[in-house]
Structure formats: C-alpha cells, structure tokens
Amino acid sequence: NDRKALEYHKQYEAMKDSVVSDNFKRTLFGFRQEAEAGR
C-alpha cells in the first residue's frame, strides 16, 4: 500500500523534525564549543 506508506512516512519526517529543531542543534553546538574550550 504505497499511498499509506508515503502518508505515514511524511508524518514520520515531520515529527522527526519537530523533535530536534535547528535552533536546538545550534545551541548544542555552541555549548559543545564552550565545553571544548574549557577542556
């Protein structure tokens, strides 16, 4: 059932993007840089 498979895959991708935002990734990267400088 390719139609439903595609429908749920789109919902999967949308939920995946909502779990980890680009802004959070940038925040995490900045914190990691600060931690590395401290190390």
Full PDB file with SEQRES, HELIX, SHEET, SSBOND, CRYST1, ORIGX, SCALE, CONECT and MASTER records, all heavy atoms in Angstrom:
SEQRES   1 A   39  ASN ASP ARG LYS ALA LEU GLU TYR HIS LYS GLN TYR GLU          
SEQRES   2 A   39  ALA MET LYS ASP SER VAL VAL SER ASP ASN PHE LYS ARG          
SEQRES   3 A   39  THR LEU PHE GLY PHE ARG GLN GLU ALA GLU ALA GLY ARG          
HELIX    1 AA1 ASP A    2  VAL A   19  1                                  18    
HELIX    2 AA2 ASP A   22  GLY A   38  1                                  17    
CRYST1    1.000    1.000    1.000  90.00  90.00  90.00 P 1           1          
ORIGX1      1.000000  0.000000  0.000000        0.00000                         
ORIGX2      0.000000  1.000000  0.000000        0.00000                         
ORIGX3      0.000000  0.000000  1.000000        0.00000                         
SCALE1      1.000000  0.000000  0.000000        0.00000                         
SCALE2      0.000000  1.000000  0.000000        0.00000                         
SCALE3      0.000000  0.000000  1.000000        0.00000                         
ATOM      1  N   ASN A   1       0.868  -1.183   0.000  1.00  0.00           N  
ATOM      2  CA  ASN A   1       0.000   0.000   0.000  1.00  0.00           C  
ATOM      3  C   ASN A   1       0.906   1.234   0.000  1.00  0.00           C  
ATOM      4  O   ASN A   1       1.179   1.841   1.040  1.00  0.00           O  
ATOM      5  CB  ASN A   1      -0.904  -0.028   1.238  1.00  0.00           C  
ATOM      6  CG  ASN A   1      -2.008   1.030   1.162  1.00  0.00           C  
ATOM      7  OD1 ASN A   1      -1.854   2.052   0.502  1.00  0.00           O  
ATOM      8  ND2 ASN A   1      -3.114   0.771   1.862  1.00  0.00           N  
ATOM      9  N   ASP A   2       1.364   1.634  -1.196  1.00  0.00           N  
ATOM     10  CA  ASP A   2       2.331   2.723  -1.301  1.00  0.00           C  
ATOM     11  C   ASP A   2       1.746   4.063  -0.868  1.00  0.00           C  
ATOM     12  O   ASP A   2       2.472   4.916  -0.344  1.00  0.00           O  
ATOM     13  CB  ASP A   2       2.834   2.825  -2.751  1.00  0.00           C  
ATOM     14  CG  ASP A   2       3.629   1.595  -3.158  1.00  0.00           C  
ATOM     15  OD1 ASP A   2       4.162   0.917  -2.246  1.00  0.00           O  
ATOM     16  OD2 ASP A   2       3.709   1.311  -4.359  1.00  0.00           O  
ATOM     17  N   ARG A   3       0.435   4.246  -1.069  1.00  0.00           N  
ATOM     18  CA  ARG A   3      -0.162   5.536  -0.713  1.00  0.00           C  
ATOM     19  C   ARG A   3      -0.086   5.769   0.796  1.00  0.00           C  
ATOM     20  O   ARG A   3       0.369   6.808   1.259  1.00  0.00           O  
ATOM     21  CB  ARG A   3      -1.629   5.567  -1.172  1.00  0.00           C  
ATOM     22  CG  ARG A   3      -2.326   6.904  -0.882  1.00  0.00           C  
ATOM     23  CD  ARG A   3      -3.793   6.853  -1.298  1.00  0.00           C  
ATOM     24  NE  ARG A   3      -4.525   5.856  -0.543  1.00  0.00           N  
ATOM     25  CZ  ARG A   3      -4.996   6.066   0.685  1.00  0.00           C  
ATOM     26  NH1 ARG A   3      -4.777   7.220   1.288  1.00  0.00           N  
ATOM     27  NH2 ARG A   3      -5.666   5.128   1.295  1.00  0.00           N  
ATOM     28  N   LYS A   4      -0.508   4.764   1.576  1.00  0.00           N  
ATOM     29  CA  LYS A   4      -0.461   4.921   3.032  1.00  0.00           C  
ATOM     30  C   LYS A   4       0.967   4.922   3.554  1.00  0.00           C  
ATOM     31  O   LYS A   4       1.286   5.600   4.528  1.00  0.00           O  
ATOM     32  CB  LYS A   4      -1.266   3.798   3.704  1.00  0.00           C  
ATOM     33  CG  LYS A   4      -2.764   4.057   3.712  1.00  0.00           C  
ATOM     34  CD  LYS A   4      -3.442   3.263   4.824  1.00  0.00           C  
ATOM     35  CE  LYS A   4      -4.864   3.739   5.028  1.00  0.00           C  
ATOM     36  NZ  LYS A   4      -5.515   3.084   6.178  1.00  0.00           N  
ATOM     37  N   ALA A   5       1.838   4.145   2.906  1.00  0.00           N  
ATOM     38  CA  ALA A   5       3.241   4.133   3.317  1.00  0.00           C  
ATOM     39  C   ALA A   5       3.835   5.532   3.182  1.00  0.00           C  
ATOM     40  O   ALA A   5       4.561   6.003   4.073  1.00  0.00           O  
ATOM     41  CB  ALA A   5       4.030   3.129   2.482  1.00  0.00           C  
ATOM     42  N   LEU A   6       3.542   6.218   2.081  1.00  0.00           N  
ATOM     43  CA  LEU A   6       4.053   7.571   1.870  1.00  0.00           C  
ATOM     44  C   LEU A   6       3.436   8.547   2.853  1.00  0.00           C  
ATOM     45  O   LEU A   6       4.123   9.428   3.394  1.00  0.00           O  
ATOM     46  CB  LEU A   6       3.759   8.017   0.429  1.00  0.00           C  
ATOM     47  CG  LEU A   6       4.217   9.432   0.059  1.00  0.00           C  
ATOM     48  CD1 LEU A   6       5.723   9.568   0.228  1.00  0.00           C  
ATOM     49  CD2 LEU A   6       3.801   9.770  -1.370  1.00  0.00           C  
ATOM     50  N   GLU A   7       2.137   8.378   3.126  1.00  0.00           N  
ATOM     51  CA  GLU A   7       1.449   9.271   4.065  1.00  0.00           C  
ATOM     52  C   GLU A   7       2.088   9.209   5.449  1.00  0.00           C  
ATOM     53  O   GLU A   7       2.376  10.243   6.068  1.00  0.00           O  
ATOM     54  CB  GLU A   7      -0.023   8.860   4.141  1.00  0.00           C  
ATOM     55  CG  GLU A   7      -0.835   9.622   5.163  1.00  0.00           C  
ATOM     56  CD  GLU A   7      -2.250   9.076   5.296  1.00  0.00           C  
ATOM     57  OE1 GLU A   7      -2.746   8.463   4.302  1.00  0.00           O  
ATOM     58  OE2 GLU A   7      -2.850   9.230   6.376  1.00  0.00           O  
ATOM     59  N   TYR A   8       2.327   7.995   5.949  1.00  0.00           N  
ATOM     60  CA  TYR A   8       2.924   7.863   7.289  1.00  0.00           C  
ATOM     61  C   TYR A   8       4.405   8.244   7.289  1.00  0.00           C  
ATOM     62  O   TYR A   8       4.922   8.701   8.308  1.00  0.00           O  
ATOM     63  CB  TYR A   8       2.733   6.441   7.808  1.00  0.00           C  
ATOM     64  CG  TYR A   8       1.347   6.200   8.343  1.00  0.00           C  
ATOM     65  CD1 TYR A   8       0.465   5.344   7.700  1.00  0.00           C  
ATOM     66  CD2 TYR A   8       0.917   6.858   9.493  1.00  0.00           C  
ATOM     67  CE1 TYR A   8      -0.815   5.138   8.196  1.00  0.00           C  
ATOM     68  CE2 TYR A   8      -0.362   6.659   9.997  1.00  0.00           C  
ATOM     69  CZ  TYR A   8      -1.223   5.799   9.344  1.00  0.00           C  
ATOM     70  OH  TYR A   8      -2.480   5.606   9.835  1.00  0.00           O  
ATOM     71  N   HIS A   9       5.075   8.060   6.149  1.00  0.00           N  
ATOM     72  CA  HIS A   9       6.469   8.480   6.085  1.00  0.00           C  
ATOM     73  C   HIS A   9       6.579  10.004   6.207  1.00  0.00           C  
ATOM     74  O   HIS A   9       7.497  10.509   6.870  1.00  0.00           O  
ATOM     75  CB  HIS A   9       7.098   8.007   4.772  1.00  0.00           C  
ATOM     76  CG  HIS A   9       8.547   8.388   4.655  1.00  0.00           C  
ATOM     77  ND1 HIS A   9       9.539   7.785   5.406  1.00  0.00           N  
ATOM     78  CD2 HIS A   9       9.168   9.346   3.898  1.00  0.00           C  
ATOM     79  CE1 HIS A   9      10.707   8.325   5.103  1.00  0.00           C  
ATOM     80  NE2 HIS A   9      10.512   9.275   4.205  1.00  0.00           N  
ATOM     81  N   LYS A  10       5.636  10.721   5.607  1.00  0.00           N  
ATOM     82  CA  LYS A  10       5.639  12.183   5.720  1.00  0.00           C  
ATOM     83  C   LYS A  10       5.397  12.605   7.171  1.00  0.00           C  
ATOM     84  O   LYS A  10       6.035  13.538   7.677  1.00  0.00           O  
ATOM     85  CB  LYS A  10       4.569  12.777   4.810  1.00  0.00           C  
ATOM     86  CG  LYS A  10       4.906  12.694   3.321  1.00  0.00           C  
ATOM     87  CD  LYS A  10       3.787  13.300   2.477  1.00  0.00           C  
ATOM     88  CE  LYS A  10       4.120  13.266   0.995  1.00  0.00           C  
ATOM     89  NZ  LYS A  10       3.019  13.820   0.163  1.00  0.00           N  
ATOM     90  N   GLN A  11       4.469  11.919   7.837  1.00  0.00           N  
ATOM     91  CA  GLN A  11       4.214  12.238   9.243  1.00  0.00           C  
ATOM     92  C   GLN A  11       5.439  11.918  10.103  1.00  0.00           C  
ATOM     93  O   GLN A  11       5.745  12.637  11.062  1.00  0.00           O  
ATOM     94  CB  GLN A  11       3.005  11.444   9.744  1.00  0.00           C  
ATOM     95  CG  GLN A  11       1.698  11.877   9.097  1.00  0.00           C  
ATOM     96  CD  GLN A  11       0.504  11.163   9.700  1.00  0.00           C  
ATOM     97  OE1 GLN A  11       0.223  11.319  10.890  1.00  0.00           O  
ATOM     98  NE2 GLN A  11      -0.199  10.386   8.890  1.00  0.00           N  
ATOM     99  N   TYR A  12       6.133  10.830   9.751  1.00  0.00           N  
ATOM    100  CA  TYR A  12       7.356  10.464  10.471  1.00  0.00           C  
ATOM    101  C   TYR A  12       8.407  11.553  10.330  1.00  0.00           C  
ATOM    102  O   TYR A  12       9.033  11.970  11.318  1.00  0.00           O  
ATOM    103  CB  TYR A  12       7.883   9.137   9.932  1.00  0.00           C  
ATOM    104  CG  TYR A  12       9.291   8.801  10.385  1.00  0.00           C  
ATOM    105  CD1 TYR A  12       9.527   8.281  11.647  1.00  0.00           C  
ATOM    106  CD2 TYR A  12      10.379   9.024   9.546  1.00  0.00           C  
ATOM    107  CE1 TYR A  12      10.818   7.975  12.067  1.00  0.00           C  
ATOM    108  CE2 TYR A  12      11.677   8.730   9.955  1.00  0.00           C  
ATOM    109  CZ  TYR A  12      11.887   8.208  11.211  1.00  0.00           C  
ATOM    110  OH  TYR A  12      13.166   7.916  11.621  1.00  0.00           O  
ATOM    111  N   GLU A  13       8.619  12.043   9.100  1.00  0.00           N  
ATOM    112  CA  GLU A  13       9.624  13.080   8.866  1.00  0.00           C  
ATOM    113  C   GLU A  13       9.255  14.377   9.578  1.00  0.00           C  
ATOM    114  O   GLU A  13      10.124  15.063  10.140  1.00  0.00           O  
ATOM    115  CB  GLU A  13       9.778  13.330   7.362  1.00  0.00           C  
ATOM    116  CG  GLU A  13      10.440  12.186   6.596  1.00  0.00           C  
ATOM    117  CD  GLU A  13      11.886  11.980   7.011  1.00  0.00           C  
ATOM    118  OE1 GLU A  13      12.517  12.958   7.451  1.00  0.00           O  
ATOM    119  OE2 GLU A  13      12.377  10.849   6.909  1.00  0.00           O  
ATOM    120  N   ALA A  14       7.948  14.714   9.558  1.00  0.00           N  
ATOM    121  CA  ALA A  14       7.514  15.947  10.224  1.00  0.00           C  
ATOM    122  C   ALA A  14       7.734  15.854  11.733  1.00  0.00           C  
ATOM    123  O   ALA A  14       8.212  16.801  12.370  1.00  0.00           O  
ATOM    124  CB  ALA A  14       6.042  16.202   9.921  1.00  0.00           C  
ATOM    125  N   MET A  15       7.399  14.698  12.322  1.00  0.00           N  
ATOM    126  CA  MET A  15       7.602  14.513  13.757  1.00  0.00           C  
ATOM    127  C   MET A  15       9.085  14.488  14.096  1.00  0.00           C  
ATOM    128  O   MET A  15       9.514  15.011  15.124  1.00  0.00           O  
ATOM    129  CB  MET A  15       6.928  13.217  14.212  1.00  0.00           C  
ATOM    130  CG  MET A  15       6.976  12.981  15.715  1.00  0.00           C  
ATOM    131  SD  MET A  15       6.145  14.259  16.687  1.00  0.00           S  
ATOM    132  CE  MET A  15       4.437  13.950  16.233  1.00  0.00           C  
ATOM    133  N   LYS A  16       9.880  13.904  13.219  1.00  0.00           N  
ATOM    134  CA  LYS A  16      11.326  13.844  13.427  1.00  0.00           C  
ATOM    135  C   LYS A  16      11.924  15.245  13.479  1.00  0.00           C  
ATOM    136  O   LYS A  16      12.765  15.551  14.341  1.00  0.00           O  
ATOM    137  CB  LYS A  16      11.966  13.028  12.310  1.00  0.00           C  
ATOM    138  CG  LYS A  16      13.468  12.868  12.424  1.00  0.00           C  
ATOM    139  CD  LYS A  16      13.978  12.035  11.254  1.00  0.00           C  
ATOM    140  CE  LYS A  16      15.505  11.918  11.292  1.00  0.00           C  
ATOM    141  NZ  LYS A  16      16.014  11.153  10.128  1.00  0.00           N  
ATOM    142  N   ASP A  17      11.473  16.100  12.578  1.00  0.00           N  
ATOM    143  CA  ASP A  17      11.982  17.479  12.551  1.00  0.00           C  
ATOM    144  C   ASP A  17      11.514  18.267  13.771  1.00  0.00           C  
ATOM    145  O   ASP A  17      12.229  19.143  14.267  1.00  0.00           O  
ATOM    146  CB  ASP A  17      11.520  18.187  11.276  1.00  0.00           C  
ATOM    147  CG  ASP A  17      12.193  17.610  10.024  1.00  0.00           C  
ATOM    148  OD1 ASP A  17      13.266  16.985  10.173  1.00  0.00           O  
ATOM    149  OD2 ASP A  17      11.641  17.760   8.922  1.00  0.00           O  
ATOM    150  N   SER A  18      10.293  17.960  14.270  1.00  0.00           N  
ATOM    151  CA  SER A  18       9.778  18.709  15.422  1.00  0.00           C  
ATOM    152  C   SER A  18      10.488  18.329  16.708  1.00  0.00           C  
ATOM    153  O   SER A  18      10.567  19.110  17.644  1.00  0.00           O  
ATOM    154  CB  SER A  18       8.271  18.456  15.581  1.00  0.00           C  
ATOM    155  OG  SER A  18       8.028  17.148  16.053  1.00  0.00           O  
ATOM    156  N   VAL A  19      10.991  17.076  16.776  1.00  0.00           N  
ATOM    157  CA  VAL A  19      11.673  16.616  17.981  1.00  0.00           C  
ATOM    158  C   VAL A  19      12.983  17.363  18.192  1.00  0.00           C  
ATOM    159  O   VAL A  19      13.331  17.762  19.296  1.00  0.00           O  
ATOM    160  CB  VAL A  19      11.910  15.086  17.918  1.00  0.00           C  
ATOM    161  CG1 VAL A  19      12.844  14.637  19.027  1.00  0.00           C  
ATOM    162  CG2 VAL A  19      10.579  14.350  18.027  1.00  0.00           C  
ATOM    163  N   VAL A  20      13.733  17.539  17.122  1.00  0.00           N  
ATOM    164  CA  VAL A  20      15.028  18.206  17.212  1.00  0.00           C  
ATOM    165  C   VAL A  20      15.039  19.402  16.259  1.00  0.00           C  
ATOM    166  O   VAL A  20      15.153  19.242  15.050  1.00  0.00           O  
ATOM    167  CB  VAL A  20      16.189  17.251  16.859  1.00  0.00           C  
ATOM    168  CG1 VAL A  20      17.517  17.952  17.081  1.00  0.00           C  
ATOM    169  CG2 VAL A  20      16.109  15.975  17.675  1.00  0.00           C  
ATOM    170  N   SER A  21      14.895  20.591  16.783  1.00  0.00           N  
ATOM    171  CA  SER A  21      14.863  21.791  15.949  1.00  0.00           C  
ATOM    172  C   SER A  21      16.275  22.231  15.572  1.00  0.00           C  
ATOM    173  O   SER A  21      17.248  21.918  16.250  1.00  0.00           O  
ATOM    174  CB  SER A  21      14.149  22.926  16.698  1.00  0.00           C  
ATOM    175  OG  SER A  21      14.909  23.313  17.821  1.00  0.00           O  
ATOM    176  N   ASP A  22      16.351  22.990  14.468  1.00  0.00           N  
ATOM    177  CA  ASP A  22      17.653  23.523  14.037  1.00  0.00           C  
ATOM    178  C   ASP A  22      18.227  24.467  15.088  1.00  0.00           C  
ATOM    179  O   ASP A  22      19.446  24.509  15.311  1.00  0.00           O  
ATOM    180  CB  ASP A  22      17.493  24.262  12.705  1.00  0.00           C  
ATOM    181  CG  ASP A  22      17.207  23.304  11.559  1.00  0.00           C  
ATOM    182  OD1 ASP A  22      17.579  22.113  11.685  1.00  0.00           O  
ATOM    183  OD2 ASP A  22      16.621  23.731  10.553  1.00  0.00           O  
ATOM    184  N   ASN A  23      17.345  25.231  15.753  1.00  0.00           N  
ATOM    185  CA  ASN A  23      17.812  26.165  16.773  1.00  0.00           C  
ATOM    186  C   ASN A  23      18.467  25.413  17.935  1.00  0.00           C  
ATOM    187  O   ASN A  23      19.506  25.835  18.457  1.00  0.00           O  
ATOM    188  CB  ASN A  23      16.626  26.992  17.284  1.00  0.00           C  
ATOM    189  CG  ASN A  23      17.057  28.022  18.309  1.00  0.00           C  
ATOM    190  OD1 ASN A  23      17.918  28.848  18.047  1.00  0.00           O  
ATOM    191  ND2 ASN A  23      16.446  27.964  19.493  1.00  0.00           N  
ATOM    192  N   PHE A  24      17.862  24.280  18.323  1.00  0.00           N  
ATOM    193  CA  PHE A  24      18.440  23.486  19.403  1.00  0.00           C  
ATOM    194  C   PHE A  24      19.790  22.908  18.995  1.00  0.00           C  
ATOM    195  O   PHE A  24      20.728  22.856  19.787  1.00  0.00           O  
ATOM    196  CB  PHE A  24      17.470  22.369  19.785  1.00  0.00           C  
ATOM    197  CG  PHE A  24      18.004  21.457  20.859  1.00  0.00           C  
ATOM    198  CD1 PHE A  24      18.691  21.967  21.948  1.00  0.00           C  
ATOM    199  CD2 PHE A  24      17.817  20.090  20.776  1.00  0.00           C  
ATOM    200  CE1 PHE A  24      19.175  21.129  22.943  1.00  0.00           C  
ATOM    201  CE2 PHE A  24      18.301  19.251  21.758  1.00  0.00           C  
ATOM    202  CZ  PHE A  24      18.985  19.766  22.839  1.00  0.00           C  
ATOM    203  N   LYS A  25      19.902  22.471  17.746  1.00  0.00           N  
ATOM    204  CA  LYS A  25      21.184  21.947  17.267  1.00  0.00           C  
ATOM    205  C   LYS A  25      22.271  23.012  17.358  1.00  0.00           C  
ATOM    206  O   LYS A  25      23.411  22.720  17.746  1.00  0.00           O  
ATOM    207  CB  LYS A  25      21.055  21.454  15.823  1.00  0.00           C  
ATOM    208  CG  LYS A  25      20.213  20.190  15.681  1.00  0.00           C  
ATOM    209  CD  LYS A  25      20.095  19.776  14.225  1.00  0.00           C  
ATOM    210  CE  LYS A  25      19.253  18.527  14.060  1.00  0.00           C  
ATOM    211  NZ  LYS A  25      19.097  18.138  12.639  1.00  0.00           N  
ATOM    212  N   ARG A  26      21.916  24.264  17.014  1.00  0.00           N  
ATOM    213  CA  ARG A  26      22.895  25.346  17.108  1.00  0.00           C  
ATOM    214  C   ARG A  26      23.266  25.600  18.566  1.00  0.00           C  
ATOM    215  O   ARG A  26      24.439  25.823  18.892  1.00  0.00           O  
ATOM    216  CB  ARG A  26      22.327  26.620  16.464  1.00  0.00           C  
ATOM    217  CG  ARG A  26      22.269  26.573  14.938  1.00  0.00           C  
ATOM    218  CD  ARG A  26      21.984  27.964  14.367  1.00  0.00           C  
ATOM    219  NE  ARG A  26      20.655  28.434  14.739  1.00  0.00           N  
ATOM    220  CZ  ARG A  26      19.560  28.218  14.024  1.00  0.00           C  
ATOM    221  NH1 ARG A  26      19.641  27.526  12.893  1.00  0.00           N  
ATOM    222  NH2 ARG A  26      18.393  28.681  14.418  1.00  0.00           N  
ATOM    223  N   THR A  27      22.250  25.574  19.462  1.00  0.00           N  
ATOM    224  CA  THR A  27      22.525  25.769  20.887  1.00  0.00           C  
ATOM    225  C   THR A  27      23.463  24.687  21.410  1.00  0.00           C  
ATOM    226  O   THR A  27      24.414  24.956  22.145  1.00  0.00           O  
ATOM    227  CB  THR A  27      21.211  25.734  21.685  1.00  0.00           C  
ATOM    228  OG1 THR A  27      20.348  26.765  21.196  1.00  0.00           O  
ATOM    229  CG2 THR A  27      21.470  25.948  23.172  1.00  0.00           C  
ATOM    230  N   LEU A  28      23.196  23.460  21.015  1.00  0.00           N  
ATOM    231  CA  LEU A  28      24.007  22.338  21.463  1.00  0.00           C  
ATOM    232  C   LEU A  28      25.437  22.457  20.946  1.00  0.00           C  
ATOM    233  O   LEU A  28      26.405  22.184  21.661  1.00  0.00           O  
ATOM    234  CB  LEU A  28      23.385  21.033  20.974  1.00  0.00           C  
ATOM    235  CG  LEU A  28      23.747  19.768  21.742  1.00  0.00           C  
ATOM    236  CD1 LEU A  28      23.278  19.868  23.184  1.00  0.00           C  
ATOM    237  CD2 LEU A  28      23.131  18.549  21.085  1.00  0.00           C  
ATOM    238  N   PHE A  29      25.566  22.879  19.694  1.00  0.00           N  
ATOM    239  CA  PHE A  29      26.901  23.045  19.112  1.00  0.00           C  
ATOM    240  C   PHE A  29      27.674  24.127  19.863  1.00  0.00           C  
ATOM    241  O   PHE A  29      28.868  23.967  20.166  1.00  0.00           O  
ATOM    242  CB  PHE A  29      26.781  23.406  17.631  1.00  0.00           C  
ATOM    243  CG  PHE A  29      28.117  23.645  16.968  1.00  0.00           C  
ATOM    244  CD1 PHE A  29      28.930  22.580  16.600  1.00  0.00           C  
ATOM    245  CD2 PHE A  29      28.568  24.940  16.726  1.00  0.00           C  
ATOM    246  CE1 PHE A  29      30.159  22.794  16.005  1.00  0.00           C  
ATOM    247  CE2 PHE A  29      29.794  25.159  16.120  1.00  0.00           C  
ATOM    248  CZ  PHE A  29      30.592  24.082  15.754  1.00  0.00           C  
ATOM    249  N   GLY A  30      26.995  25.260  20.183  1.00  0.00           N  
ATOM    250  CA  GLY A  30      27.662  26.331  20.911  1.00  0.00           C  
ATOM    251  C   GLY A  30      28.109  25.890  22.294  1.00  0.00           C  
ATOM    252  O   GLY A  30      29.214  26.209  22.738  1.00  0.00           O  
ATOM    253  N   PHE A  31      27.253  25.127  22.964  1.00  0.00           N  
ATOM    254  CA  PHE A  31      27.630  24.629  24.288  1.00  0.00           C  
ATOM    255  C   PHE A  31      28.819  23.673  24.194  1.00  0.00           C  
ATOM    256  O   PHE A  31      29.712  23.687  25.037  1.00  0.00           O  
ATOM    257  CB  PHE A  31      26.430  23.918  24.916  1.00  0.00           C  
ATOM    258  CG  PHE A  31      26.693  23.428  26.311  1.00  0.00           C  
ATOM    259  CD1 PHE A  31      26.545  24.274  27.400  1.00  0.00           C  
ATOM    260  CD2 PHE A  31      27.090  22.123  26.540  1.00  0.00           C  
ATOM    261  CE1 PHE A  31      26.783  23.838  28.690  1.00  0.00           C  
ATOM    262  CE2 PHE A  31      27.346  21.672  27.825  1.00  0.00           C  
ATOM    263  CZ  PHE A  31      27.186  22.528  28.896  1.00  0.00           C  
ATOM    264  N   ARG A  32      28.824  22.841  23.145  1.00  0.00           N  
ATOM    265  CA  ARG A  32      29.925  21.903  22.972  1.00  0.00           C  
ATOM    266  C   ARG A  32      31.228  22.648  22.725  1.00  0.00           C  
ATOM    267  O   ARG A  32      32.290  22.246  23.204  1.00  0.00           O  
ATOM    268  CB  ARG A  32      29.621  20.956  21.809  1.00  0.00           C  
ATOM    269  CG  ARG A  32      30.613  19.820  21.695  1.00  0.00           C  
ATOM    270  CD  ARG A  32      30.100  18.709  20.800  1.00  0.00           C  
ATOM    271  NE  ARG A  32      29.814  19.149  19.453  1.00  0.00           N  
ATOM    272  CZ  ARG A  32      28.602  19.154  18.910  1.00  0.00           C  
ATOM    273  NH1 ARG A  32      27.562  18.743  19.608  1.00  0.00           N  
ATOM    274  NH2 ARG A  32      28.409  19.565  17.673  1.00  0.00           N  
ATOM    275  N   GLN A  33      31.153  23.756  21.980  1.00  0.00           N  
ATOM    276  CA  GLN A  33      32.347  24.557  21.728  1.00  0.00           C  
ATOM    277  C   GLN A  33      32.878  25.164  23.036  1.00  0.00           C  
ATOM    278  O   GLN A  33      34.092  25.187  23.273  1.00  0.00           O  
ATOM    279  CB  GLN A  33      32.030  25.674  20.725  1.00  0.00           C  
ATOM    280  CG  GLN A  33      31.734  25.172  19.311  1.00  0.00           C  
ATOM    281  CD  GLN A  33      32.962  24.524  18.681  1.00  0.00           C  
ATOM    282  OE1 GLN A  33      33.134  23.305  18.735  1.00  0.00           O  
ATOM    283  NE2 GLN A  33      33.828  25.327  18.083  1.00  0.00           N  
ATOM    284  N   GLU A  34      31.943  25.658  23.880  1.00  0.00           N  
ATOM    285  CA  GLU A  34      32.361  26.222  25.169  1.00  0.00           C  
ATOM    286  C   GLU A  34      32.995  25.146  26.044  1.00  0.00           C  
ATOM    287  O   GLU A  34      33.997  25.392  26.722  1.00  0.00           O  
ATOM    288  CB  GLU A  34      31.146  26.827  25.885  1.00  0.00           C  
ATOM    289  CG  GLU A  34      30.599  28.084  25.219  1.00  0.00           C  
ATOM    290  CD  GLU A  34      29.394  28.626  25.959  1.00  0.00           C  
ATOM    291  OE1 GLU A  34      29.113  28.125  27.071  1.00  0.00           O  
ATOM    292  OE2 GLU A  34      28.730  29.537  25.437  1.00  0.00           O  
ATOM    293  N   ALA A  35      32.390  23.976  26.034  1.00  0.00           N  
ATOM    294  CA  ALA A  35      32.937  22.879  26.831  1.00  0.00           C  
ATOM    295  C   ALA A  35      34.323  22.484  26.348  1.00  0.00           C  
ATOM    296  O   ALA A  35      35.222  22.181  27.141  1.00  0.00           O  
ATOM    297  CB  ALA A  35      31.990  21.672  26.771  1.00  0.00           C  
ATOM    298  N   GLU A  36      34.500  22.472  25.031  1.00  0.00           N  
ATOM    299  CA  GLU A  36      35.807  22.114  24.469  1.00  0.00           C  
ATOM    300  C   GLU A  36      36.860  23.147  24.861  1.00  0.00           C  
ATOM    301  O   GLU A  36      38.001  22.800  25.201  1.00  0.00           O  
ATOM    302  CB  GLU A  36      35.700  22.020  22.940  1.00  0.00           C  
ATOM    303  CG  GLU A  36      36.976  21.583  22.246  1.00  0.00           C  
ATOM    304  CD  GLU A  36      37.397  20.174  22.634  1.00  0.00           C  
ATOM    305  OE1 GLU A  36      36.516  19.384  23.024  1.00  0.00           O  
ATOM    306  OE2 GLU A  36      38.607  19.883  22.570  1.00  0.00           O  
ATOM    307  N   ALA A  37      36.465  24.447  24.831  1.00  0.00           N  
ATOM    308  CA  ALA A  37      37.393  25.500  25.252  1.00  0.00           C  
ATOM    309  C   ALA A  37      37.765  25.327  26.718  1.00  0.00           C  
ATOM    310  O   ALA A  37      38.936  25.501  27.108  1.00  0.00           O  
ATOM    311  CB  ALA A  37      36.761  26.883  25.016  1.00  0.00           C  
ATOM    312  N   GLY A  38      36.779  24.964  27.552  1.00  0.00           N  
ATOM    313  CA  GLY A  38      37.070  24.722  28.957  1.00  0.00           C  
ATOM    314  C   GLY A  38      38.003  23.541  29.159  1.00  0.00           C  
ATOM    315  O   GLY A  38      38.894  23.571  30.019  1.00  0.00           O  
ATOM    316  N   ARG A  39      37.812  22.496  28.348  1.00  0.00           N  
ATOM    317  CA  ARG A  39      38.693  21.329  28.451  1.00  0.00           C  
ATOM    318  C   ARG A  39      40.124  21.686  28.058  1.00  0.00           C  
ATOM    319  O   ARG A  39      41.090  21.231  28.679  1.00  0.00           O  
ATOM    320  CB  ARG A  39      38.170  20.196  27.571  1.00  0.00           C  
ATOM    321  CG  ARG A  39      37.083  19.369  28.230  1.00  0.00           C  
ATOM    322  CD  ARG A  39      36.887  18.060  27.499  1.00  0.00           C  
ATOM    323  NE  ARG A  39      36.429  18.243  26.139  1.00  0.00           N  
ATOM    324  CZ  ARG A  39      35.156  18.333  25.798  1.00  0.00           C  
ATOM    325  NH1 ARG A  39      34.216  18.263  26.717  1.00  0.00           N  
ATOM    326  NH2 ARG A  39      34.802  18.496  24.541  1.00  0.00           N  
TER     327      ARG A  39                                                      
MASTER        0    0    0    2    0    0    0    6  326    1    0    3          
END                                                                             
